[in-house]
Amino acid sequence: MSGSSPVLGLPGPVGTFSTDTPGVYTIQVKATDVHGASTWLYFYIHVSAERCDCTCPDGSIQLPDGKCATSYDIDADRLINQEERCDDTDTHRYGCGDYGFQWHDLGRGFSSVRRVDVELESGIDCSFEAGVRAVSLNGAAIGSFDPIGSCACASDHELASFTDVNPSSYVLGGVNSVNISAPSCDGLSRSEELGGAFARVTVVYSCEQSLCADVTCGPPDACHVAGVCDPRTGLCTNPNAPDDTACDDGDPTTAESICISGACVAESPCGNGRVGPGEECDDGGHVNGDGCSATCQVEGTRRFLYTVREEDDMLRRFDLRTRKFEDVGPLGVSFDIGELAWEEATGTLWMIDGRANNGLYTVDIATGAANLVGIHGVDKMFGLGLDPRTGNLYGSARGSQPGFYQLDRVTGAATLLGTPPRNYDGMAYDTTRDQLVGFVAGVGPLFAIDVANGAGSLLAYQEPTNAGGFAYDPIADQFWEIDQDGFLYTYDPTYDYMQTIITSQLGAHDGLTLVMPAP
């Protein structure tokens, strides 16, 4: 900048910038790899002549240094996986497994978050295991605390504070969540120090006003939906509308048009990515040998996802090529938040019912009829996984006997292998990476599971989903999930397990497994 005297000191890996003239400065950094290829990074620094106070919105606190802060008091409606246990005073809330709370940030008018403080009232510990409770903000660890008290409602409880939390994982203007790990029943209690709240989150915002204050991110056309404004640039994201959304491609010769990957295309021609009349499949291309021919006919092995519709206990299957559901037949037994697992070596479809009869079943994939193997007797066993290398069946429970179990294939009996700090609502074996993978409903993480004891290694965090079924497709190298809210998702392990909604409004489904080759 003309007339300024900027200084950039580089004594080592850390650079220091200073100037005597207010203004906006640009720092350019050139990065070169060992092959000589280069790229540039640009950093913008705003230097103010005096303190720049924020104009704090209603409900915010004006701080002495000019910044704004907002406190979010966590009431019972914002708690995750917690319910009243041993009294009706709404004072103590509990969850058997991971628990926490969430809130919607109201700082959309600011460009960034400077500081986050989290306070929570550590409630009664009914755990079968001693040890600290790890706390995370949107998946990023922020600390831990020691549980106190006992299983009596009159137990003591105390405030746990996490101050000056790293705000890098915080979602400005969106939904944020704090997750607390627990091997069994833990919870939060109302705090007199927090004015009767179970927890409090205080957020300090930057003084720089958001460039989104007057920006409305409406959909630009029928094949896109409303986006989100970046407060630093004022630019909107441009997310695609769901595939199959009706649109007008402007071609008068086209009878009907639909949205595919954000583009408006004719509905029926082969290669548009949607199965139309006379087509068995449509992968969006015109190449033979990839499972879907150039004329949109199925090649080679067909694959189906099997699932159960909760309202009528109906076994259903989903054709991965035609992307259509069809009913197979009723189970003939009660099914309530359970899981399926296909054993290709023996042609057996295994099932647990979750919280109906606490049993292990086999299911006829031609008729849907379920046959009882035996009662395992473990409450809320929602996850079922099969290791194709050994034929071992594993169950994960979050009820009164939480833990990771091995199920006897002949009697259905459950043997406890370990009590990991989380319970998996769906499990599937990844044959590409040779590991059992599980997800935790209502929170969002996916884990690689040690079958010896159920311990999990974090693979990724994605958007939370409701209780559901989980399956792996080795041909496409992707995971599938179906849930109680009627959504069908995929997860791509080659892109940090990126979550994609395939379809919705299916009604409550649970249990999911891939059957290949198709019968």
Protein backbone atom coordinates (compact mmCIF):
# COMPACT_ATOMS: atom_id res chain seq x y z
CA MET A 1 0.00 0.00 0.00
CA SER A 2 1.33 3.43 -0.97
CA GLY A 3 2.79 5.42 1.96
CA SER A 4 2.96 2.47 4.34
CA SER A 5 5.99 0.89 5.96
CA PRO A 6 5.10 -2.82 6.26
CA VAL A 7 7.59 -5.27 7.71
CA LEU A 8 7.41 -9.07 7.31
CA GLY A 9 9.79 -10.94 9.59
CA LEU A 10 10.60 -14.60 8.87
CA PRO A 11 12.93 -15.85 11.63
CA GLY A 12 11.82 -19.45 11.00
CA PRO A 13 8.59 -21.27 10.23
CA VAL A 14 6.57 -18.43 11.81
CA GLY A 15 6.20 -15.04 10.11
CA THR A 16 5.37 -11.72 11.82
CA PHE A 17 3.70 -8.86 9.93
CA SER A 18 3.57 -5.24 11.16
CA THR A 19 2.82 -1.84 9.64
CA ASP A 20 2.28 1.75 10.68
CA THR A 21 -0.49 2.44 8.16
CA PRO A 22 -4.09 1.16 8.37
CA GLY A 23 -5.44 -0.68 5.35
CA VAL A 24 -5.89 -4.06 3.69
CA TYR A 25 -2.67 -5.92 2.87
CA THR A 26 -2.10 -9.03 0.74
CA ILE A 27 0.60 -11.56 1.58
CA GLN A 28 1.58 -13.95 -1.20
CA VAL A 29 3.12 -17.33 -0.36
CA LYS A 30 4.65 -19.53 -3.05
CA ALA A 31 4.79 -23.29 -2.41
CA THR A 32 7.02 -25.47 -4.63
CA ASP A 33 7.23 -29.26 -4.55
CA VAL A 34 10.29 -31.45 -5.21
CA HIS A 35 9.41 -31.70 -8.90
CA GLY A 36 9.43 -27.94 -9.38
CA ALA A 37 5.66 -27.48 -9.60
CA SER A 38 4.43 -24.35 -7.82
CA THR A 39 1.27 -22.71 -6.60
CA TRP A 40 0.45 -19.44 -4.82
CA LEU A 41 -1.52 -18.80 -1.64
CA TYR A 42 -2.93 -15.37 -0.79
CA PHE A 43 -3.63 -14.06 2.72
CA TYR A 44 -5.51 -10.82 3.38
CA ILE A 45 -4.76 -8.80 6.54
CA HIS A 46 -6.92 -5.88 7.66
CA VAL A 47 -5.16 -3.27 9.84
CA SER A 48 -7.42 -0.83 11.70
CA ALA A 49 -6.42 2.55 13.11
CA GLU A 50 -8.49 2.08 16.25
CA ARG A 51 -10.68 -0.41 18.01
CA CYS A 52 -13.55 -1.59 15.79
CA ASP A 53 -16.58 -2.28 17.97
CA CYS A 54 -19.17 -4.80 16.89
CA THR A 55 -22.79 -3.79 16.55
CA CYS A 56 -24.21 -6.54 18.70
CA PRO A 57 -27.65 -7.93 17.80
CA ASP A 58 -30.43 -8.23 20.35
CA GLY A 59 -29.73 -10.98 22.85
CA SER A 60 -25.95 -10.66 22.54
CA ILE A 61 -23.50 -9.25 25.09
CA GLN A 62 -21.26 -6.26 24.30
CA LEU A 63 -17.80 -7.10 25.67
CA PRO A 64 -15.34 -4.44 26.96
CA ASP A 65 -12.98 -5.05 24.04
CA GLY A 66 -15.73 -4.26 21.55
CA LYS A 67 -16.57 -7.81 20.54
CA CYS A 68 -19.95 -9.54 20.86
CA ALA A 69 -20.77 -12.72 22.74
CA THR A 70 -23.84 -14.93 22.81
CA SER A 71 -24.67 -17.55 25.42
CA TYR A 72 -26.68 -20.63 24.52
CA ASP A 73 -28.38 -22.22 27.54
CA ILE A 74 -29.04 -25.91 26.98
CA ASP A 75 -32.50 -27.03 28.06
CA ALA A 76 -34.00 -30.54 27.81
CA ASP A 77 -35.10 -30.02 24.18
CA ARG A 78 -31.47 -29.54 23.09
CA LEU A 79 -30.14 -32.72 24.72
CA ILE A 80 -29.03 -35.67 22.58
CA ASN A 81 -29.69 -39.32 23.53
CA GLN A 82 -30.86 -38.44 27.05
CA GLU A 83 -34.07 -39.09 28.92
CA GLU A 84 -35.45 -38.91 32.44
CA ARG A 85 -34.46 -42.00 34.38
CA CYS A 86 -35.29 -42.29 38.05
CA ASP A 87 -37.47 -39.29 38.81
CA ASP A 88 -40.01 -37.04 37.13
CA THR A 89 -38.51 -33.70 38.17
CA ASP A 90 -36.64 -33.21 34.87
CA THR A 91 -33.52 -32.55 36.97
CA HIS A 92 -31.42 -35.51 35.85
CA ARG A 93 -31.15 -36.72 32.27
CA TYR A 94 -29.40 -39.92 31.19
CA GLY A 95 -28.27 -41.78 28.10
CA CYS A 96 -26.82 -45.26 27.82
CA GLY A 97 -23.94 -44.65 25.44
CA ASP A 98 -22.71 -41.45 23.81
CA TYR A 99 -24.75 -38.39 24.74
CA GLY A 100 -24.53 -34.59 24.60
CA PHE A 101 -26.43 -31.57 23.28
CA GLN A 102 -26.81 -29.34 20.24
CA TRP A 103 -27.83 -25.78 19.38
CA HIS A 104 -28.25 -23.52 16.34
CA ASP A 105 -25.72 -20.70 16.15
CA LEU A 106 -27.25 -17.21 15.79
CA GLY A 107 -24.09 -15.36 14.72
CA ARG A 108 -24.77 -15.29 10.98
CA GLY A 109 -24.11 -11.54 10.95
CA PHE A 110 -20.42 -12.01 11.88
CA SER A 111 -17.56 -13.20 9.73
CA SER A 112 -15.92 -15.59 12.21
CA VAL A 113 -15.84 -17.04 15.73
CA ARG A 114 -13.00 -15.96 18.04
CA ARG A 115 -13.65 -18.04 21.14
CA VAL A 116 -15.92 -20.82 22.43
CA ASP A 117 -16.45 -21.73 26.10
CA VAL A 118 -18.41 -24.84 27.12
CA GLU A 119 -19.78 -25.51 30.62
CA LEU A 120 -21.81 -28.56 31.59
CA GLU A 121 -23.16 -30.02 34.81
CA SER A 122 -21.69 -33.51 35.22
CA GLY A 123 -24.61 -35.67 36.28
CA ILE A 124 -24.94 -39.07 37.87
CA ASP A 125 -22.60 -41.83 36.69
CA CYS A 126 -24.27 -45.25 36.42
CA SER A 127 -21.40 -46.67 34.39
CA PHE A 128 -20.05 -50.17 34.73
CA GLU A 129 -16.61 -48.79 33.87
CA ALA A 130 -14.54 -46.13 35.59
CA GLY A 131 -12.62 -43.54 33.63
CA VAL A 132 -12.80 -40.07 32.14
CA ARG A 133 -15.45 -38.92 29.67
CA ALA A 134 -14.06 -37.46 26.44
CA VAL A 135 -15.83 -34.32 25.17
CA SER A 136 -15.84 -33.16 21.55
CA LEU A 137 -17.25 -30.22 19.59
CA ASN A 138 -18.52 -31.28 16.16
CA GLY A 139 -16.14 -34.23 16.29
CA ALA A 140 -13.05 -32.29 17.43
CA ALA A 141 -11.78 -33.18 20.92
CA ILE A 142 -11.96 -30.34 23.46
CA GLY A 143 -11.11 -32.13 26.73
CA SER A 144 -12.47 -34.58 29.30
CA PHE A 145 -13.86 -34.79 32.84
CA ASP A 146 -14.16 -37.39 35.59
CA PRO A 147 -17.70 -38.67 36.21
CA ILE A 148 -18.92 -38.39 39.79
CA GLY A 149 -21.75 -39.66 41.97
CA SER A 150 -23.55 -42.97 41.89
CA CYS A 151 -26.75 -44.46 40.52
CA ALA A 152 -28.89 -42.62 43.10
CA CYS A 153 -30.86 -39.56 42.04
CA ALA A 154 -29.63 -37.67 45.09
CA SER A 155 -25.98 -37.99 44.05
CA ASP A 156 -23.75 -34.97 43.86
CA HIS A 157 -22.96 -33.32 40.58
CA GLU A 158 -20.57 -30.56 39.63
CA LEU A 159 -19.69 -28.11 36.86
CA ALA A 160 -17.15 -29.11 34.19
CA SER A 161 -15.70 -26.20 32.21
CA PHE A 162 -13.89 -26.15 28.86
CA THR A 163 -12.65 -22.63 28.19
CA ASP A 164 -11.15 -21.05 25.08
CA VAL A 165 -11.99 -24.05 22.91
CA ASN A 166 -10.42 -24.15 19.45
CA PRO A 167 -13.21 -22.67 17.25
CA SER A 168 -11.99 -24.22 13.98
CA SER A 169 -14.71 -26.91 14.02
CA TYR A 170 -17.49 -24.49 15.02
CA VAL A 171 -20.29 -23.96 12.46
CA LEU A 172 -21.12 -20.25 12.19
CA GLY A 173 -24.83 -19.81 11.54
CA GLY A 174 -25.48 -23.59 11.61
CA VAL A 175 -26.12 -26.50 13.96
CA ASN A 176 -23.35 -27.42 16.43
CA SER A 177 -23.15 -30.35 18.81
CA VAL A 178 -21.14 -31.38 21.86
CA ASN A 179 -20.69 -35.13 22.24
CA ILE A 180 -19.68 -36.96 25.44
CA SER A 181 -18.48 -40.56 25.32
CA ALA A 182 -19.77 -43.03 27.88
CA PRO A 183 -19.54 -46.83 28.16
CA SER A 184 -23.00 -47.06 29.72
CA CYS A 185 -25.48 -44.84 31.57
CA ASP A 186 -24.17 -41.32 32.14
CA GLY A 187 -25.92 -37.98 31.91
CA LEU A 188 -26.28 -34.30 32.71
CA SER A 189 -28.10 -32.51 35.52
CA ARG A 190 -29.59 -29.06 35.84
CA SER A 191 -27.15 -26.55 37.31
CA GLU A 192 -27.88 -23.74 39.73
CA GLU A 193 -24.66 -22.08 38.57
CA LEU A 194 -26.01 -22.07 35.00
CA GLY A 195 -29.43 -20.74 35.97
CA GLY A 196 -31.12 -24.13 35.74
CA ALA A 197 -29.63 -25.13 32.37
CA PHE A 198 -27.98 -28.51 31.78
CA ALA A 199 -25.10 -26.77 29.98
CA ARG A 200 -24.08 -23.40 28.58
CA VAL A 201 -22.06 -22.50 25.50
CA THR A 202 -20.65 -18.97 25.20
CA VAL A 203 -19.45 -17.84 21.78
CA VAL A 204 -17.37 -14.71 21.11
CA TYR A 205 -17.60 -13.40 17.55
CA SER A 206 -15.20 -11.38 15.42
CA CYS A 207 -15.77 -7.64 15.15
CA GLU A 208 -15.71 -7.88 11.37
CA GLN A 209 -19.25 -7.86 10.09
CA SER A 210 -20.37 -10.68 7.84
CA LEU A 211 -20.68 -9.97 4.13
CA CYS A 212 -23.84 -12.09 4.22
CA ALA A 213 -26.01 -9.64 6.17
CA ASP A 214 -27.98 -8.59 3.07
CA VAL A 215 -27.39 -11.71 0.98
CA THR A 216 -30.16 -14.20 0.23
CA CYS A 217 -28.99 -17.49 -1.23
CA GLY A 218 -31.99 -18.48 -3.30
CA PRO A 219 -31.96 -21.31 -5.84
CA PRO A 220 -30.73 -20.04 -9.26
CA ASP A 221 -32.83 -22.59 -11.18
CA ALA A 222 -35.03 -25.65 -10.77
CA CYS A 223 -32.03 -28.03 -10.54
CA HIS A 224 -30.48 -26.28 -7.52
CA VAL A 225 -31.69 -25.51 -4.01
CA ALA A 226 -31.02 -22.58 -1.70
CA GLY A 227 -27.39 -22.40 -0.64
CA VAL A 228 -25.46 -20.99 2.30
CA CYS A 229 -23.60 -17.68 2.29
CA ASP A 230 -19.90 -17.59 3.23
CA PRO A 231 -19.65 -14.64 5.69
CA ARG A 232 -16.04 -13.96 4.63
CA THR A 233 -16.73 -13.62 0.90
CA GLY A 234 -20.46 -12.95 0.62
CA LEU A 235 -20.68 -15.78 -1.95
CA CYS A 236 -23.36 -18.46 -1.88
CA THR A 237 -22.95 -22.18 -2.25
CA ASN A 238 -24.95 -23.75 -5.04
CA PRO A 239 -26.12 -27.23 -3.97
CA ASN A 240 -27.85 -29.51 -6.46
CA ALA A 241 -31.53 -30.33 -6.19
CA PRO A 242 -32.35 -34.03 -5.62
CA ASP A 243 -32.09 -36.19 -8.71
CA ASP A 244 -35.44 -36.72 -10.49
CA THR A 245 -36.68 -33.21 -9.63
CA ALA A 246 -38.88 -31.99 -12.50
CA CYS A 247 -37.47 -29.16 -14.65
CA ASP A 248 -37.70 -27.58 -18.11
CA ASP A 249 -34.68 -28.08 -20.38
CA GLY A 250 -35.98 -25.56 -22.93
CA ASP A 251 -36.26 -28.18 -25.67
CA PRO A 252 -39.83 -28.29 -27.06
CA THR A 253 -39.20 -31.81 -28.42
CA THR A 254 -38.58 -33.19 -24.92
CA ALA A 255 -41.75 -34.55 -23.33
CA GLU A 256 -40.42 -34.50 -19.76
CA SER A 257 -37.16 -33.35 -18.18
CA ILE A 258 -35.59 -34.05 -14.80
CA CYS A 259 -32.60 -32.87 -12.78
CA ILE A 260 -29.56 -35.15 -12.69
CA SER A 261 -26.47 -33.91 -10.76
CA GLY A 262 -27.65 -30.31 -11.06
CA ALA A 263 -28.34 -30.45 -14.82
CA CYS A 264 -31.74 -30.50 -16.52
CA VAL A 265 -31.84 -33.46 -18.94
CA ALA A 266 -34.41 -35.42 -20.93
CA GLU A 267 -36.02 -38.05 -18.74
CA SER A 268 -35.79 -41.25 -20.76
CA PRO A 269 -32.69 -41.35 -23.06
CA CYS A 270 -29.99 -43.84 -22.10
CA GLY A 271 -27.03 -42.13 -20.46
CA ASN A 272 -28.89 -39.45 -18.52
CA GLY A 273 -28.23 -41.19 -15.18
CA ARG A 274 -31.86 -42.18 -14.58
CA VAL A 275 -33.52 -45.48 -15.40
CA GLY A 276 -36.23 -44.82 -17.99
CA PRO A 277 -38.66 -46.91 -20.07
CA GLY A 278 -36.95 -49.92 -21.65
CA GLU A 279 -33.80 -49.48 -19.51
CA GLU A 280 -32.58 -51.90 -16.86
CA CYS A 281 -29.94 -49.46 -15.61
CA ASP A 282 -28.44 -46.06 -16.38
CA ASP A 283 -25.05 -45.09 -14.94
CA GLY A 284 -24.82 -41.83 -16.88
CA GLY A 285 -22.43 -43.20 -19.52
CA HIS A 286 -22.31 -45.04 -22.82
CA VAL A 287 -19.58 -47.61 -22.08
CA ASN A 288 -19.83 -51.40 -22.08
CA GLY A 289 -18.12 -53.52 -19.43
CA ASP A 290 -18.87 -51.38 -16.38
CA GLY A 291 -21.97 -53.29 -15.24
CA CYS A 292 -24.37 -51.14 -17.26
CA SER A 293 -24.10 -51.44 -21.05
CA ALA A 294 -24.05 -48.66 -23.62
CA THR A 295 -27.73 -49.45 -24.27
CA CYS A 296 -28.60 -49.29 -20.56
CA GLN A 297 -28.97 -53.04 -19.95
CA VAL A 298 -27.55 -54.78 -16.87
CA GLU A 299 -24.23 -56.58 -17.38
CA GLY A 300 -22.79 -59.29 -15.13
CA THR A 301 -23.72 -59.69 -11.48
CA ARG A 302 -26.83 -57.91 -10.19
CA ARG A 303 -26.86 -56.70 -6.60
CA PHE A 304 -29.70 -56.02 -4.18
CA LEU A 305 -29.97 -54.28 -0.83
CA TYR A 306 -32.37 -56.05 1.55
CA THR A 307 -34.13 -54.05 4.29
CA VAL A 308 -37.25 -54.14 6.51
CA ARG A 309 -40.09 -51.63 6.47
CA GLU A 310 -40.92 -50.93 10.11
CA GLU A 311 -44.68 -50.24 9.85
CA ASP A 312 -45.60 -53.73 8.60
CA ASP A 313 -42.40 -55.82 9.18
CA MET A 314 -42.08 -56.30 5.40
CA LEU A 315 -38.81 -57.59 3.92
CA ARG A 316 -37.99 -55.45 0.87
CA ARG A 317 -35.19 -55.29 -1.65
CA PHE A 318 -33.63 -52.41 -3.60
CA ASP A 319 -32.09 -53.08 -7.03
CA LEU A 320 -28.80 -51.16 -7.25
CA ARG A 321 -29.11 -50.96 -11.06
CA THR A 322 -32.74 -49.98 -11.53
CA ARG A 323 -32.83 -48.05 -8.24
CA LYS A 324 -36.29 -49.46 -7.47
CA PHE A 325 -37.78 -51.05 -4.34
CA GLU A 326 -40.00 -54.12 -4.32
CA ASP A 327 -41.69 -56.04 -1.49
CA VAL A 328 -40.46 -59.61 -0.87
CA GLY A 329 -42.81 -60.73 1.90
CA PRO A 330 -43.69 -60.28 5.60
CA LEU A 331 -41.26 -61.50 8.26
CA GLY A 332 -44.03 -63.00 10.34
CA VAL A 333 -42.34 -61.76 13.54
CA SER A 334 -42.09 -58.40 15.25
CA PHE A 335 -39.14 -56.27 14.10
CA ASP A 336 -38.24 -53.08 16.00
CA ILE A 337 -34.95 -51.29 15.18
CA GLY A 338 -32.93 -54.33 14.17
CA GLU A 339 -30.30 -55.25 11.60
CA LEU A 340 -29.57 -57.70 8.76
CA ALA A 341 -26.36 -59.42 7.63
CA TRP A 342 -25.92 -61.57 4.49
CA GLU A 343 -23.52 -64.52 4.57
CA GLU A 344 -22.55 -65.25 0.98
CA ALA A 345 -20.63 -68.46 1.81
CA THR A 346 -23.76 -70.22 3.12
CA GLY A 347 -26.48 -68.15 1.42
CA THR A 348 -27.92 -67.16 4.82
CA LEU A 349 -29.66 -63.89 5.70
CA TRP A 350 -29.23 -63.26 9.46
CA MET A 351 -31.42 -60.86 11.47
CA ILE A 352 -31.73 -59.44 14.97
CA ASP A 353 -34.95 -57.68 16.01
CA GLY A 354 -33.40 -54.96 18.21
CA ARG A 355 -35.94 -54.63 20.99
CA ALA A 356 -38.88 -56.92 20.19
CA ASN A 357 -38.03 -60.52 21.20
CA ASN A 358 -34.25 -60.04 21.62
CA GLY A 359 -33.68 -62.93 19.22
CA LEU A 360 -31.38 -64.06 16.41
CA TYR A 361 -33.16 -65.18 13.22
CA THR A 362 -32.54 -66.43 9.70
CA VAL A 363 -34.73 -65.01 6.92
CA ASP A 364 -35.84 -66.61 3.65
CA ILE A 365 -34.89 -64.06 0.98
CA ALA A 366 -37.44 -65.54 -1.43
CA THR A 367 -40.49 -65.25 0.88
CA GLY A 368 -39.40 -62.92 3.71
CA ALA A 369 -40.29 -65.49 6.41
CA ALA A 370 -38.13 -65.28 9.56
CA ASN A 371 -37.10 -68.36 11.57
CA LEU A 372 -35.92 -68.06 15.18
CA VAL A 373 -32.43 -69.41 15.88
CA GLY A 374 -32.45 -68.52 19.57
CA ILE A 375 -32.95 -65.75 22.15
CA HIS A 376 -29.81 -63.77 22.96
CA GLY A 377 -31.60 -61.81 25.70
CA VAL A 378 -29.66 -58.55 25.31
CA ASP A 379 -31.77 -55.38 25.41
CA LYS A 380 -31.52 -52.92 22.48
CA MET A 381 -29.02 -54.86 20.40
CA PHE A 382 -29.33 -52.66 17.30
CA GLY A 383 -26.14 -53.51 15.39
CA LEU A 384 -25.36 -56.81 13.64
CA GLY A 385 -22.14 -57.53 11.72
CA LEU A 386 -20.70 -60.63 10.06
CA ASP A 387 -17.00 -61.30 9.48
CA PRO A 388 -16.84 -63.23 6.16
CA ARG A 389 -13.34 -64.51 6.99
CA THR A 390 -14.51 -66.48 10.03
CA GLY A 391 -18.31 -66.52 9.78
CA ASN A 392 -18.50 -64.91 13.24
CA LEU A 393 -21.62 -62.87 14.04
CA TYR A 394 -21.22 -59.75 16.19
CA GLY A 395 -23.86 -57.65 17.93
CA SER A 396 -23.68 -54.17 19.48
CA ALA A 397 -26.11 -53.14 22.23
CA ARG A 398 -26.89 -49.82 23.94
CA GLY A 399 -29.55 -50.90 26.47
CA SER A 400 -29.30 -52.18 30.03
CA GLN A 401 -26.42 -54.49 29.01
CA PRO A 402 -24.40 -52.26 26.67
CA GLY A 403 -21.41 -53.74 24.89
CA PHE A 404 -19.98 -55.63 21.92
CA TYR A 405 -21.04 -59.30 21.70
CA GLN A 406 -20.40 -62.45 19.66
CA LEU A 407 -23.57 -64.40 18.79
CA ASP A 408 -23.68 -68.19 18.67
CA ARG A 409 -24.81 -69.27 15.18
CA VAL A 410 -26.60 -72.36 16.54
CA THR A 411 -28.23 -71.14 19.76
CA GLY A 412 -28.28 -67.34 19.36
CA ALA A 413 -26.58 -66.92 22.75
CA ALA A 414 -24.61 -63.70 23.23
CA THR A 415 -21.08 -63.60 24.71
CA LEU A 416 -19.77 -60.20 25.86
CA LEU A 417 -16.42 -59.33 24.24
CA GLY A 418 -16.00 -55.76 25.46
CA THR A 419 -17.71 -52.53 26.53
CA PRO A 420 -16.35 -49.84 24.19
CA PRO A 421 -17.24 -46.18 24.87
CA ARG A 422 -19.80 -46.22 22.05
CA ASN A 423 -22.48 -48.53 20.67
CA TYR A 424 -22.82 -49.16 16.93
CA ASP A 425 -26.31 -48.88 15.46
CA GLY A 426 -25.26 -50.48 12.17
CA MET A 427 -22.26 -52.59 11.12
CA ALA A 428 -20.95 -53.88 7.78
CA TYR A 429 -17.75 -55.62 6.73
CA ASP A 430 -15.52 -53.69 4.30
CA THR A 431 -13.90 -56.48 2.25
CA THR A 432 -11.75 -53.96 0.34
CA ARG A 433 -9.98 -52.73 3.49
CA ASP A 434 -10.55 -55.91 5.51
CA GLN A 435 -12.31 -54.28 8.48
CA LEU A 436 -15.66 -54.19 10.23
CA VAL A 437 -17.15 -50.68 10.10
CA GLY A 438 -19.90 -49.25 12.29
CA PHE A 439 -21.81 -45.98 12.63
CA VAL A 440 -23.37 -44.28 15.67
CA ALA A 441 -26.87 -42.92 15.05
CA GLY A 442 -27.78 -39.43 16.18
CA VAL A 443 -24.14 -38.31 16.32
CA GLY A 444 -22.52 -39.01 12.93
CA PRO A 445 -19.16 -40.82 13.39
CA LEU A 446 -18.03 -43.94 11.53
CA PHE A 447 -15.53 -46.32 13.15
CA ALA A 448 -13.30 -49.24 12.18
CA ILE A 449 -14.11 -51.90 14.79
CA ASP A 450 -11.69 -54.27 16.51
CA VAL A 451 -13.67 -57.54 16.52
CA ALA A 452 -11.74 -58.78 19.55
CA ASN A 453 -13.33 -56.26 21.93
CA GLY A 454 -15.46 -53.80 19.93
CA ALA A 455 -13.04 -50.88 20.31
CA GLY A 456 -13.42 -48.35 17.49
CA SER A 457 -10.94 -46.23 15.53
CA LEU A 458 -12.53 -43.06 14.11
CA LEU A 459 -12.79 -43.04 10.32
CA ALA A 460 -14.85 -39.88 9.74
CA TYR A 461 -17.63 -37.66 11.04
CA GLN A 462 -20.67 -37.04 8.83
CA GLU A 463 -24.13 -35.55 9.28
CA PRO A 464 -26.05 -37.41 12.04
CA THR A 465 -28.76 -39.86 10.95
CA ASN A 466 -31.51 -41.73 12.76
CA ALA A 467 -31.24 -45.38 13.79
CA GLY A 468 -30.85 -47.48 10.66
CA GLY A 469 -29.18 -50.31 8.73
CA PHE A 470 -25.71 -50.38 7.21
CA ALA A 471 -24.29 -52.31 4.22
CA TYR A 472 -21.16 -52.43 2.05
CA ASP A 473 -21.01 -52.82 -1.74
CA PRO A 474 -17.57 -54.16 -2.82
CA ILE A 475 -18.24 -53.62 -6.54
CA ALA A 476 -18.80 -49.86 -6.18
CA ASP A 477 -16.62 -49.63 -3.03
CA GLN A 478 -19.23 -47.70 -1.07
CA PHE A 479 -21.38 -48.04 2.03
CA TRP A 480 -25.17 -47.72 2.13
CA GLU A 481 -27.39 -46.67 5.03
CA ILE A 482 -31.18 -46.59 5.40
CA ASP A 483 -32.78 -45.00 8.45
CA GLN A 484 -35.91 -44.46 10.52
CA ASP A 485 -36.54 -41.07 8.86
CA GLY A 486 -36.94 -42.66 5.42
CA PHE A 487 -33.58 -41.63 3.93
CA LEU A 488 -31.26 -43.82 1.84
CA TYR A 489 -27.61 -42.69 1.89
CA THR A 490 -24.25 -43.69 0.47
CA TYR A 491 -20.80 -43.13 2.02
CA ASP A 492 -17.70 -42.98 -0.19
CA PRO A 493 -14.60 -44.27 1.69
CA THR A 494 -12.27 -42.87 -0.99
CA TYR A 495 -13.44 -39.30 -0.20
CA ASP A 496 -13.41 -39.25 3.61
CA TYR A 497 -16.67 -41.26 3.71
CA MET A 498 -18.58 -38.42 2.02
CA GLN A 499 -22.32 -38.77 2.68
CA THR A 500 -24.83 -38.49 -0.20
CA ILE A 501 -28.62 -38.67 0.00
CA ILE A 502 -29.87 -41.07 -2.69
CA THR A 503 -33.59 -40.85 -1.96
CA SER A 504 -35.96 -39.87 0.85
CA GLN A 505 -39.58 -40.11 2.03
CA LEU A 506 -39.39 -43.90 2.12
CA GLY A 507 -40.98 -44.23 5.54
CA ALA A 508 -39.22 -45.81 8.51
CA HIS A 509 -36.88 -48.65 7.47
CA ASP A 510 -34.18 -50.48 9.38
CA GLY A 511 -31.71 -53.27 8.77
CA LEU A 512 -29.68 -53.29 5.55
CA THR A 513 -27.40 -55.75 3.81
CA LEU A 514 -26.08 -56.39 0.31
CA VAL A 515 -26.95 -59.68 -1.40
CA MET A 516 -24.65 -60.65 -4.25
CA PRO A 517 -25.05 -62.36 -6.58
CA ALA A 518 -28.74 -61.60 -6.72
CA PRO A 519 -31.03 -64.63 -6.36
